[in-house]
Amino acid sequence: MTLTAILPTLRASIPDPLAAGCWPAYTRATTTDLVVDGVSLHTLATLCGTPCVHTAQATEPVVVVTAVGDTTTTPDGRRVLVLDADLGRAGATWPELRLVGRASVARLVPTVVCDPDKARLAQVELPADLAVGDVLGVPCAAVGVRGGVGVRGGAGARGRRELSRGTRPAR
């Protein structure tokens, strides 16, 4: 357990630590963003829409940027987030799923993460104040993402655009 998990208000001043082996080599966290190879994931989502994929070196994991499409609570009190990306075959490192674009000082709560069809993908600890439209980044196995990120409608379905070397919207 990290200090920012114990004292969530610290997330406004220091970023949550990253598991170095899970992210591309030149990834750094800020309090409100993740920067991969000099590319801000928040800016990437703003330019491309979500979901989109940032590729680093060919042998490294890729990072998928996705948004919260819906959030609900089950009758037994479990929190459920529905993402706008189908990451079922992407090899996502779910414990590293991160909020991008703002700092949350809310406590971490167990959250069930689902694909657009509401199929369960994982259960992770995420800030309690996540809402529809919040942007998230998650490292994924490079092989799984290149053929395994699906889009079902939404902003990311606008078609493929190359923005910069190593960055591409998901299909």
C-alpha atoms as a PDB file:
ATOM      1  CA  MET A   1       0.000   0.000   0.000  1.00  0.00           C
ATOM      2  CA  THR A   2       1.352   3.422  -0.944  1.00  0.00           C
ATOM      3  CA  LEU A   3       1.294   6.638   1.023  1.00  0.00           C
ATOM      4  CA  THR A   4      -1.124   8.157  -1.517  1.00  0.00           C
ATOM      5  CA  ALA A   5      -3.497   5.225  -0.946  1.00  0.00           C
ATOM      6  CA  ILE A   6      -3.416   5.770   2.818  1.00  0.00           C
ATOM      7  CA  LEU A   7      -3.689   9.578   2.580  1.00  0.00           C
ATOM      8  CA  PRO A   8      -5.549  10.316  -0.698  1.00  0.00           C
ATOM      9  CA  THR A   9      -5.221  14.092  -0.259  1.00  0.00           C
ATOM     10  CA  LEU A  10      -1.499  13.679  -1.019  1.00  0.00           C
ATOM     11  CA  ARG A  11      -2.444  12.873  -4.636  1.00  0.00           C
ATOM     12  CA  ALA A  12      -2.947  16.626  -5.139  1.00  0.00           C
ATOM     13  CA  SER A  13       0.758  17.206  -4.407  1.00  0.00           C
ATOM     14  CA  ILE A  14       2.593  14.001  -5.346  1.00  0.00           C
ATOM     15  CA  PRO A  15       1.745  11.463  -8.053  1.00  0.00           C
ATOM     16  CA  ASP A  16       0.882   7.852  -7.337  1.00  0.00           C
ATOM     17  CA  PRO A  17       4.003   5.735  -7.946  1.00  0.00           C
ATOM     18  CA  LEU A  18       4.189   3.650 -11.123  1.00  0.00           C
ATOM     19  CA  ALA A  19       5.223  -0.003 -11.260  1.00  0.00           C
ATOM     20  CA  ALA A  20       8.256   0.580 -13.474  1.00  0.00           C
ATOM     21  CA  GLY A  21       8.220  -2.801 -15.219  1.00  0.00           C
ATOM     22  CA  CYS A  22       4.615  -2.384 -16.349  1.00  0.00           C
ATOM     23  CA  TRP A  23       4.974   0.899 -18.264  1.00  0.00           C
ATOM     24  CA  PRO A  24       7.128   1.894 -21.262  1.00  0.00           C
ATOM     25  CA  ALA A  25      10.651   2.941 -20.228  1.00  0.00           C
ATOM     26  CA  TYR A  26      10.186   6.700 -20.562  1.00  0.00           C
ATOM     27  CA  THR A  27       6.945   7.017 -18.605  1.00  0.00           C
ATOM     28  CA  ARG A  28       6.539   9.473 -15.763  1.00  0.00           C
ATOM     29  CA  ALA A  29       3.555  10.363 -13.644  1.00  0.00           C
ATOM     30  CA  THR A  30       2.465  13.841 -12.637  1.00  0.00           C
ATOM     31  CA  THR A  31      -0.376  14.632 -10.260  1.00  0.00           C
ATOM     32  CA  THR A  32      -2.806  14.986 -13.187  1.00  0.00           C
ATOM     33  CA  ASP A  33      -1.267  13.131 -16.122  1.00  0.00           C
ATOM     34  CA  LEU A  34       0.953  10.368 -17.432  1.00  0.00           C
ATOM     35  CA  VAL A  35       3.681  11.293 -19.911  1.00  0.00           C
ATOM     36  CA  VAL A  36       4.950   8.496 -22.159  1.00  0.00           C
ATOM     37  CA  ASP A  37       7.955   9.221 -24.397  1.00  0.00           C
ATOM     38  CA  GLY A  38       7.236  12.932 -23.982  1.00  0.00           C
ATOM     39  CA  VAL A  39       3.555  12.591 -24.968  1.00  0.00           C
ATOM     40  CA  SER A  40       0.915  13.630 -22.446  1.00  0.00           C
ATOM     41  CA  LEU A  41      -1.892  11.066 -22.329  1.00  0.00           C
ATOM     42  CA  HIS A  42      -4.367  13.827 -21.447  1.00  0.00           C
ATOM     43  CA  THR A  43      -3.374  15.771 -24.567  1.00  0.00           C
ATOM     44  CA  LEU A  44      -3.467  12.581 -26.630  1.00  0.00           C
ATOM     45  CA  ALA A  45      -7.051  11.908 -25.502  1.00  0.00           C
ATOM     46  CA  THR A  46      -8.020  15.506 -26.254  1.00  0.00           C
ATOM     47  CA  LEU A  47      -6.593  15.323 -29.782  1.00  0.00           C
ATOM     48  CA  CYS A  48      -7.601  11.756 -30.709  1.00  0.00           C
ATOM     49  CA  GLY A  49     -10.643  11.086 -28.599  1.00  0.00           C
ATOM     50  CA  THR A  50     -10.928   7.825 -26.726  1.00  0.00           C
ATOM     51  CA  PRO A  51     -10.099   5.041 -26.900  1.00  0.00           C
ATOM     52  CA  CYS A  52      -6.652   5.502 -28.398  1.00  0.00           C
ATOM     53  CA  VAL A  53      -3.319   3.721 -28.191  1.00  0.00           C
ATOM     54  CA  HIS A  54       0.153   5.160 -27.566  1.00  0.00           C
ATOM     55  CA  THR A  55       2.913   2.898 -28.795  1.00  0.00           C
ATOM     56  CA  ALA A  56       6.438   3.293 -27.487  1.00  0.00           C
ATOM     57  CA  GLN A  57       9.265   0.971 -28.540  1.00  0.00           C
ATOM     58  CA  ALA A  58       8.193  -2.237 -30.282  1.00  0.00           C
ATOM     59  CA  THR A  59       9.295  -4.432 -27.374  1.00  0.00           C
ATOM     60  CA  GLU A  60       7.596  -2.353 -24.689  1.00  0.00           C
ATOM     61  CA  PRO A  61       4.008  -2.337 -23.495  1.00  0.00           C
ATOM     62  CA  VAL A  62       1.619   0.063 -25.187  1.00  0.00           C
ATOM     63  CA  VAL A  63      -0.667   2.402 -23.279  1.00  0.00           C
ATOM     64  CA  VAL A  64      -4.397   2.505 -23.980  1.00  0.00           C
ATOM     65  CA  VAL A  65      -6.250   5.695 -23.145  1.00  0.00           C
ATOM     66  CA  THR A  66      -9.940   5.112 -22.503  1.00  0.00           C
ATOM     67  CA  ALA A  67     -12.838   6.977 -20.932  1.00  0.00           C
ATOM     68  CA  VAL A  68     -15.547   6.098 -18.446  1.00  0.00           C
ATOM     69  CA  GLY A  69     -18.749   5.608 -20.421  1.00  0.00           C
ATOM     70  CA  ASP A  70     -21.006   4.770 -17.490  1.00  0.00           C
ATOM     71  CA  THR A  71     -20.804   4.223 -13.765  1.00  0.00           C
ATOM     72  CA  THR A  72     -23.282   2.374 -11.588  1.00  0.00           C
ATOM     73  CA  THR A  73     -23.566   0.671  -8.249  1.00  0.00           C
ATOM     74  CA  THR A  74     -24.836  -2.884  -7.979  1.00  0.00           C
ATOM     75  CA  PRO A  75     -27.589  -3.776  -5.482  1.00  0.00           C
ATOM     76  CA  ASP A  76     -24.925  -5.245  -3.191  1.00  0.00           C
ATOM     77  CA  GLY A  77     -23.011  -1.916  -3.206  1.00  0.00           C
ATOM     78  CA  ARG A  78     -20.186  -2.705  -5.637  1.00  0.00           C
ATOM     79  CA  ARG A  79     -19.075   0.133  -7.900  1.00  0.00           C
ATOM     80  CA  VAL A  80     -19.026  -0.599 -11.651  1.00  0.00           C
ATOM     81  CA  LEU A  81     -17.304   1.410 -14.399  1.00  0.00           C
ATOM     82  CA  VAL A  82     -18.047   0.797 -18.073  1.00  0.00           C
ATOM     83  CA  LEU A  83     -15.180   1.812 -20.366  1.00  0.00           C
ATOM     84  CA  ASP A  84     -15.453   2.953 -23.977  1.00  0.00           C
ATOM     85  CA  ALA A  85     -12.780   0.439 -25.076  1.00  0.00           C
ATOM     86  CA  ASP A  86     -13.041  -3.319 -25.347  1.00  0.00           C
ATOM     87  CA  LEU A  87      -9.811  -4.411 -23.665  1.00  0.00           C
ATOM     88  CA  GLY A  88     -10.757  -8.036 -23.114  1.00  0.00           C
ATOM     89  CA  ARG A  89      -7.925  -9.316 -25.342  1.00  0.00           C
ATOM     90  CA  ALA A  90      -5.460  -6.479 -24.752  1.00  0.00           C
ATOM     91  CA  GLY A  91      -3.446  -7.975 -21.910  1.00  0.00           C
ATOM     92  CA  ALA A  92      -4.107  -4.957 -19.690  1.00  0.00           C
ATOM     93  CA  THR A  93      -2.157  -4.590 -16.442  1.00  0.00           C
ATOM     94  CA  TRP A  94      -5.288  -3.671 -14.484  1.00  0.00           C
ATOM     95  CA  PRO A  95      -3.662  -2.761 -11.139  1.00  0.00           C
ATOM     96  CA  GLU A  96      -1.902   0.074 -13.021  1.00  0.00           C
ATOM     97  CA  LEU A  97      -5.136   1.647 -14.364  1.00  0.00           C
ATOM     98  CA  ARG A  98      -4.721   5.410 -13.745  1.00  0.00           C
ATOM     99  CA  LEU A  99      -6.873   8.522 -13.780  1.00  0.00           C
ATOM    100  CA  VAL A 100      -5.615  11.056 -16.340  1.00  0.00           C
ATOM    101  CA  GLY A 101      -6.564  14.718 -16.625  1.00  0.00           C
ATOM    102  CA  ARG A 102      -7.220  15.602 -12.990  1.00  0.00           C
ATOM    103  CA  ALA A 103      -6.031  14.781  -9.495  1.00  0.00           C
ATOM    104  CA  SER A 104      -8.506  12.949  -7.293  1.00  0.00           C
ATOM    105  CA  VAL A 105      -8.250  13.157  -3.528  1.00  0.00           C
ATOM    106  CA  ALA A 106     -11.122  10.704  -3.001  1.00  0.00           C
ATOM    107  CA  ARG A 107     -10.458   7.432  -1.186  1.00  0.00           C
ATOM    108  CA  LEU A 108      -9.807   4.292  -3.221  1.00  0.00           C
ATOM    109  CA  VAL A 109     -12.716   1.864  -3.494  1.00  0.00           C
ATOM    110  CA  PRO A 110     -13.007  -1.594  -5.065  1.00  0.00           C
ATOM    111  CA  THR A 111     -14.314  -1.039  -8.585  1.00  0.00           C
ATOM    112  CA  VAL A 112     -15.463  -3.557 -11.185  1.00  0.00           C
ATOM    113  CA  VAL A 113     -14.240  -2.506 -14.645  1.00  0.00           C
ATOM    114  CA  CYS A 114     -16.323  -3.584 -17.660  1.00  0.00           C
ATOM    115  CA  ASP A 115     -16.101  -3.327 -21.445  1.00  0.00           C
ATOM    116  CA  PRO A 116     -18.752  -1.466 -23.501  1.00  0.00           C
ATOM    117  CA  ASP A 117     -20.940  -4.615 -23.492  1.00  0.00           C
ATOM    118  CA  LYS A 118     -20.727  -4.620 -19.675  1.00  0.00           C
ATOM    119  CA  ALA A 119     -18.649  -7.801 -19.597  1.00  0.00           C
ATOM    120  CA  ARG A 120     -16.451  -7.814 -16.488  1.00  0.00           C
ATOM    121  CA  LEU A 121     -12.750  -7.234 -17.192  1.00  0.00           C
ATOM    122  CA  ALA A 122     -11.239  -6.743 -13.729  1.00  0.00           C
ATOM    123  CA  GLN A 123     -11.700  -5.482 -10.208  1.00  0.00           C
ATOM    124  CA  VAL A 124      -9.290  -2.757  -9.107  1.00  0.00           C
ATOM    125  CA  GLU A 125      -8.980  -0.014  -6.508  1.00  0.00           C
ATOM    126  CA  LEU A 126      -9.890   3.372  -8.032  1.00  0.00           C
ATOM    127  CA  PRO A 127     -10.852   6.789  -6.631  1.00  0.00           C
ATOM    128  CA  ALA A 128     -14.460   6.920  -5.428  1.00  0.00           C
ATOM    129  CA  ASP A 129     -15.213  10.101  -7.390  1.00  0.00           C
ATOM    130  CA  LEU A 130     -14.665   8.744 -10.918  1.00  0.00           C
ATOM    131  CA  ALA A 131     -17.471   9.860 -13.210  1.00  0.00           C
ATOM    132  CA  VAL A 132     -18.658   9.531 -16.791  1.00  0.00           C
ATOM    133  CA  GLY A 133     -16.148  11.202 -19.094  1.00  0.00           C
ATOM    134  CA  ASP A 134     -13.123  10.720 -16.843  1.00  0.00           C
ATOM    135  CA  VAL A 135     -10.076   9.569 -18.819  1.00  0.00           C
ATOM    136  CA  LEU A 136      -7.983   6.573 -17.755  1.00  0.00           C
ATOM    137  CA  GLY A 137      -4.686   5.124 -18.962  1.00  0.00           C
ATOM    138  CA  VAL A 138      -3.590   1.509 -18.677  1.00  0.00           C
ATOM    139  CA  PRO A 139      -0.482  -0.324 -19.928  1.00  0.00           C
ATOM    140  CA  CYS A 140      -1.211  -3.328 -22.133  1.00  0.00           C
ATOM    141  CA  ALA A 141       0.806  -6.108 -23.736  1.00  0.00           C
ATOM    142  CA  ALA A 142       1.947  -4.805 -27.106  1.00  0.00           C
ATOM    143  CA  VAL A 143       0.878  -7.895 -29.055  1.00  0.00           C
ATOM    144  CA  GLY A 144      -2.602  -7.997 -27.520  1.00  0.00           C
ATOM    145  CA  VAL A 145      -3.415  -4.359 -28.180  1.00  0.00           C
ATOM    146  CA  ARG A 146      -2.385  -4.125 -31.782  1.00  0.00           C
ATOM    147  CA  GLY A 147      -5.214  -6.482 -32.634  1.00  0.00           C
ATOM    148  CA  GLY A 148      -7.246  -6.473 -29.462  1.00  0.00           C
ATOM    149  CA  VAL A 149      -8.675  -3.012 -28.714  1.00  0.00           C
ATOM    150  CA  GLY A 150     -12.228  -2.670 -29.851  1.00  0.00           C
ATOM    151  CA  VAL A 151     -14.414   0.411 -30.105  1.00  0.00           C
ATOM    152  CA  ARG A 152     -18.174   0.343 -29.982  1.00  0.00           C
ATOM    153  CA  GLY A 153     -19.404   3.807 -30.953  1.00  0.00           C
ATOM    154  CA  GLY A 154     -18.415   6.927 -29.055  1.00  0.00           C
ATOM    155  CA  ALA A 155     -15.813   9.600 -29.740  1.00  0.00           C
ATOM    156  CA  GLY A 156     -13.054   7.125 -30.559  1.00  0.00           C
ATOM    157  CA  ALA A 157     -14.956   5.641 -33.496  1.00  0.00           C
ATOM    158  CA  ARG A 158     -14.152   8.609 -35.768  1.00  0.00           C
ATOM    159  CA  GLY A 159     -11.689   6.632 -37.806  1.00  0.00           C
ATOM    160  CA  ARG A 160      -7.953   6.207 -37.890  1.00  0.00           C
ATOM    161  CA  ARG A 161      -5.663   9.254 -37.823  1.00  0.00           C
ATOM    162  CA  GLU A 162      -1.909   9.290 -37.405  1.00  0.00           C
ATOM    163  CA  LEU A 163      -0.968  12.120 -35.027  1.00  0.00           C
ATOM    164  CA  SER A 164       2.683  11.491 -34.441  1.00  0.00           C
ATOM    165  CA  ARG A 165       5.146   8.679 -34.774  1.00  0.00           C
ATOM    166  CA  GLY A 166       4.283   6.051 -32.228  1.00  0.00           C
ATOM    167  CA  THR A 167       0.751   7.275 -31.550  1.00  0.00           C
ATOM    168  CA  ARG A 168      -2.411   6.008 -33.165  1.00  0.00           C
ATOM    169  CA  PRO A 169      -6.110   5.952 -32.361  1.00  0.00           C
ATOM    170  CA  ALA A 170      -7.528   2.529 -31.571  1.00  0.00           C
ATOM    171  CA  ARG A 171      -9.718   0.782 -34.108  1.00  0.00           C
END
